[in-house]
Amino acid sequence: MSKKVIDPCKSKACDIQTCLQKNNYEEEQCIKEMFVMFECCKRWREISNSCSGFSNEVIDAKIKQYSKVHKS
C-alpha cells in the first residue's frame, strides 16, 4: 500500500484563489495570502506540488516583494 503524500501548501494556494475570486481578481487585495503561500513554498517546495512551478529565486523574490506590503 502506498502512502498518500499531503501537499503542505495546497490549502494556501486555495486561499489565494478564494481571495482573488472574492476580490474581483485584484492581486493587491490578496497580498497576505500570497505572502503566506510563498513562505510555505520556501519551506516545502521540494514536496509541494502547489509550489513546483517556482524556483527558489522566484520564491525569495516574491517573499521580499510581498513582505514590504504585508508587514506595513
N, C-alpha and C. Protein backbone atom coordinates (compact mmCIF):
# COMPACT_ATOMS: atom_id res chain seq x y z
N MET A 1 0.84 -1.17 0.00
CA MET A 1 0.00 0.00 0.00
C MET A 1 0.89 1.24 0.00
N SER A 2 0.63 2.16 -0.90
CA SER A 2 1.43 3.38 -0.96
C SER A 2 0.84 4.45 -0.04
N LYS A 3 1.72 5.26 0.50
CA LYS A 3 1.27 6.34 1.36
C LYS A 3 0.86 7.53 0.51
N LYS A 4 -0.21 8.17 0.91
CA LYS A 4 -0.67 9.37 0.22
C LYS A 4 0.13 10.56 0.76
N VAL A 5 0.77 11.28 -0.13
CA VAL A 5 1.55 12.44 0.26
C VAL A 5 0.63 13.66 0.32
N ILE A 6 0.63 14.33 1.44
CA ILE A 6 -0.19 15.52 1.60
C ILE A 6 0.63 16.73 1.17
N ASP A 7 0.05 17.57 0.34
CA ASP A 7 0.70 18.79 -0.13
C ASP A 7 0.54 19.86 0.96
N PRO A 8 1.63 20.23 1.64
CA PRO A 8 1.52 21.16 2.75
C PRO A 8 1.13 22.59 2.35
N CYS A 9 1.22 22.92 1.07
CA CYS A 9 0.91 24.28 0.63
C CYS A 9 -0.39 24.37 -0.18
N LYS A 10 -1.05 23.26 -0.38
CA LYS A 10 -2.27 23.26 -1.19
C LYS A 10 -3.34 24.18 -0.61
N SER A 11 -3.54 24.15 0.68
CA SER A 11 -4.57 25.00 1.28
C SER A 11 -4.24 26.48 1.11
N LYS A 12 -2.94 26.80 1.09
CA LYS A 12 -2.52 28.20 0.89
C LYS A 12 -2.84 28.64 -0.54
N ALA A 13 -2.62 27.75 -1.50
CA ALA A 13 -2.95 28.04 -2.90
C ALA A 13 -4.46 28.23 -3.06
N CYS A 14 -5.23 27.41 -2.37
CA CYS A 14 -6.70 27.55 -2.41
C CYS A 14 -7.13 28.86 -1.77
N ASP A 15 -6.46 29.27 -0.70
CA ASP A 15 -6.77 30.55 -0.06
C ASP A 15 -6.55 31.72 -1.02
N ILE A 16 -5.49 31.64 -1.82
CA ILE A 16 -5.23 32.69 -2.82
C ILE A 16 -6.37 32.73 -3.83
N GLN A 17 -6.77 31.58 -4.34
CA GLN A 17 -7.84 31.54 -5.34
C GLN A 17 -9.15 32.08 -4.76
N THR A 18 -9.46 31.71 -3.54
CA THR A 18 -10.67 32.21 -2.89
C THR A 18 -10.62 33.73 -2.75
N CYS A 19 -9.48 34.23 -2.30
CA CYS A 19 -9.31 35.67 -2.13
C CYS A 19 -9.44 36.40 -3.47
N LEU A 20 -8.79 35.89 -4.49
CA LEU A 20 -8.86 36.53 -5.81
C LEU A 20 -10.29 36.55 -6.33
N GLN A 21 -11.00 35.45 -6.19
CA GLN A 21 -12.39 35.39 -6.66
C GLN A 21 -13.25 36.39 -5.89
N LYS A 22 -13.04 36.47 -4.59
CA LYS A 22 -13.82 37.36 -3.74
C LYS A 22 -13.53 38.84 -4.04
N ASN A 23 -12.33 39.12 -4.52
CA ASN A 23 -11.89 40.50 -4.75
C ASN A 23 -11.73 40.84 -6.22
N ASN A 24 -12.54 40.20 -7.07
CA ASN A 24 -12.55 40.51 -8.50
C ASN A 24 -11.16 40.42 -9.14
N TYR A 25 -10.38 39.45 -8.67
CA TYR A 25 -9.05 39.16 -9.20
C TYR A 25 -8.08 40.34 -9.10
N GLU A 26 -8.25 41.16 -8.07
CA GLU A 26 -7.32 42.25 -7.81
C GLU A 26 -6.23 41.73 -6.87
N GLU A 27 -5.07 41.45 -7.46
CA GLU A 27 -3.97 40.81 -6.72
C GLU A 27 -3.58 41.58 -5.47
N GLU A 28 -3.62 42.90 -5.53
CA GLU A 28 -3.18 43.69 -4.37
C GLU A 28 -4.09 43.48 -3.15
N GLN A 29 -5.28 42.94 -3.35
CA GLN A 29 -6.19 42.65 -2.24
C GLN A 29 -5.83 41.33 -1.54
N CYS A 30 -4.92 40.57 -2.13
CA CYS A 30 -4.61 39.23 -1.62
C CYS A 30 -3.14 39.07 -1.26
N ILE A 31 -2.49 40.17 -0.92
CA ILE A 31 -1.06 40.14 -0.59
C ILE A 31 -0.78 39.21 0.59
N LYS A 32 -1.61 39.28 1.61
CA LYS A 32 -1.40 38.43 2.80
C LYS A 32 -1.40 36.96 2.41
N GLU A 33 -2.38 36.55 1.61
CA GLU A 33 -2.48 35.15 1.20
C GLU A 33 -1.28 34.74 0.35
N MET A 34 -0.83 35.63 -0.52
CA MET A 34 0.32 35.32 -1.37
C MET A 34 1.60 35.22 -0.55
N PHE A 35 1.75 36.11 0.41
CA PHE A 35 2.92 36.07 1.29
C PHE A 35 2.97 34.73 2.04
N VAL A 36 1.83 34.32 2.58
CA VAL A 36 1.76 33.05 3.32
C VAL A 36 2.08 31.88 2.40
N MET A 37 1.58 31.92 1.17
CA MET A 37 1.85 30.85 0.20
C MET A 37 3.35 30.74 -0.09
N PHE A 38 4.00 31.86 -0.36
CA PHE A 38 5.42 31.80 -0.69
C PHE A 38 6.28 31.45 0.52
N GLU A 39 5.84 31.82 1.72
CA GLU A 39 6.54 31.36 2.93
C GLU A 39 6.44 29.84 3.03
N CYS A 40 5.27 29.31 2.72
CA CYS A 40 5.07 27.85 2.73
C CYS A 40 5.96 27.20 1.67
N CYS A 41 5.99 27.79 0.48
CA CYS A 41 6.82 27.24 -0.61
C CYS A 41 8.30 27.27 -0.24
N LYS A 42 8.71 28.31 0.45
CA LYS A 42 10.11 28.40 0.87
C LYS A 42 10.48 27.18 1.71
N ARG A 43 9.56 26.78 2.56
CA ARG A 43 9.83 25.65 3.45
C ARG A 43 9.61 24.29 2.79
N TRP A 44 8.58 24.18 1.94
CA TRP A 44 8.14 22.87 1.47
C TRP A 44 8.22 22.67 -0.04
N ARG A 45 8.93 23.51 -0.77
CA ARG A 45 8.94 23.45 -2.23
C ARG A 45 9.27 22.07 -2.78
N GLU A 46 10.16 21.37 -2.15
CA GLU A 46 10.60 20.07 -2.66
C GLU A 46 9.50 19.01 -2.67
N ILE A 47 8.52 19.14 -1.78
CA ILE A 47 7.46 18.12 -1.73
C ILE A 47 6.08 18.67 -2.08
N SER A 48 5.96 19.96 -2.26
CA SER A 48 4.65 20.56 -2.53
C SER A 48 4.40 20.71 -4.03
N ASN A 49 3.40 20.01 -4.53
CA ASN A 49 3.03 20.18 -5.94
C ASN A 49 2.56 21.59 -6.23
N SER A 50 1.98 22.25 -5.24
CA SER A 50 1.49 23.61 -5.42
C SER A 50 2.63 24.60 -5.67
N CYS A 51 3.83 24.23 -5.29
CA CYS A 51 5.00 25.11 -5.43
C CYS A 51 5.94 24.67 -6.54
N SER A 52 5.60 23.61 -7.23
CA SER A 52 6.54 23.00 -8.17
C SER A 52 6.94 23.93 -9.32
N GLY A 53 6.14 24.91 -9.64
CA GLY A 53 6.47 25.81 -10.74
C GLY A 53 7.35 26.98 -10.35
N PHE A 54 7.73 27.06 -9.09
CA PHE A 54 8.51 28.19 -8.60
C PHE A 54 9.93 27.77 -8.24
N SER A 55 10.91 28.49 -8.76
CA SER A 55 12.30 28.25 -8.37
C SER A 55 12.54 28.92 -7.01
N ASN A 56 13.62 28.55 -6.36
CA ASN A 56 13.97 29.20 -5.09
C ASN A 56 14.17 30.70 -5.28
N GLU A 57 14.72 31.10 -6.42
CA GLU A 57 14.95 32.51 -6.68
C GLU A 57 13.63 33.27 -6.77
N VAL A 58 12.65 32.69 -7.44
CA VAL A 58 11.33 33.33 -7.57
C VAL A 58 10.67 33.41 -6.20
N ILE A 59 10.74 32.34 -5.44
CA ILE A 59 10.15 32.33 -4.10
C ILE A 59 10.76 33.43 -3.24
N ASP A 60 12.08 33.53 -3.23
CA ASP A 60 12.76 34.56 -2.44
C ASP A 60 12.37 35.96 -2.89
N ALA A 61 12.29 36.17 -4.20
CA ALA A 61 11.92 37.49 -4.73
C ALA A 61 10.48 37.85 -4.34
N LYS A 62 9.58 36.89 -4.42
CA LYS A 62 8.18 37.15 -4.07
C LYS A 62 8.03 37.43 -2.57
N ILE A 63 8.75 36.69 -1.75
CA ILE A 63 8.70 36.94 -0.31
C ILE A 63 9.18 38.36 -0.02
N LYS A 64 10.26 38.74 -0.64
CA LYS A 64 10.79 40.09 -0.45
C LYS A 64 9.79 41.14 -0.92
N GLN A 65 9.20 40.91 -2.10
CA GLN A 65 8.21 41.84 -2.66
C GLN A 65 6.99 41.97 -1.75
N TYR A 66 6.42 40.84 -1.36
CA TYR A 66 5.19 40.87 -0.57
C TYR A 66 5.42 41.26 0.87
N SER A 67 6.61 41.02 1.41
CA SER A 67 6.85 41.36 2.81
C SER A 67 6.84 42.87 3.02
N LYS A 68 7.22 43.62 2.00
CA LYS A 68 7.20 45.09 2.11
C LYS A 68 5.77 45.58 2.31
N VAL A 69 4.83 44.96 1.63
CA VAL A 69 3.43 45.37 1.72
C VAL A 69 2.75 44.70 2.91
N HIS A 70 3.03 43.42 3.10
CA HIS A 70 2.35 42.63 4.14
C HIS A 70 2.66 43.14 5.54
N LYS A 71 3.87 43.57 5.78
CA LYS A 71 4.27 43.97 7.12
C LYS A 71 4.02 45.45 7.40
N SER A 72 3.55 46.19 6.39
CA SER A 72 3.30 47.62 6.65
C SER A 72 1.92 47.86 7.19
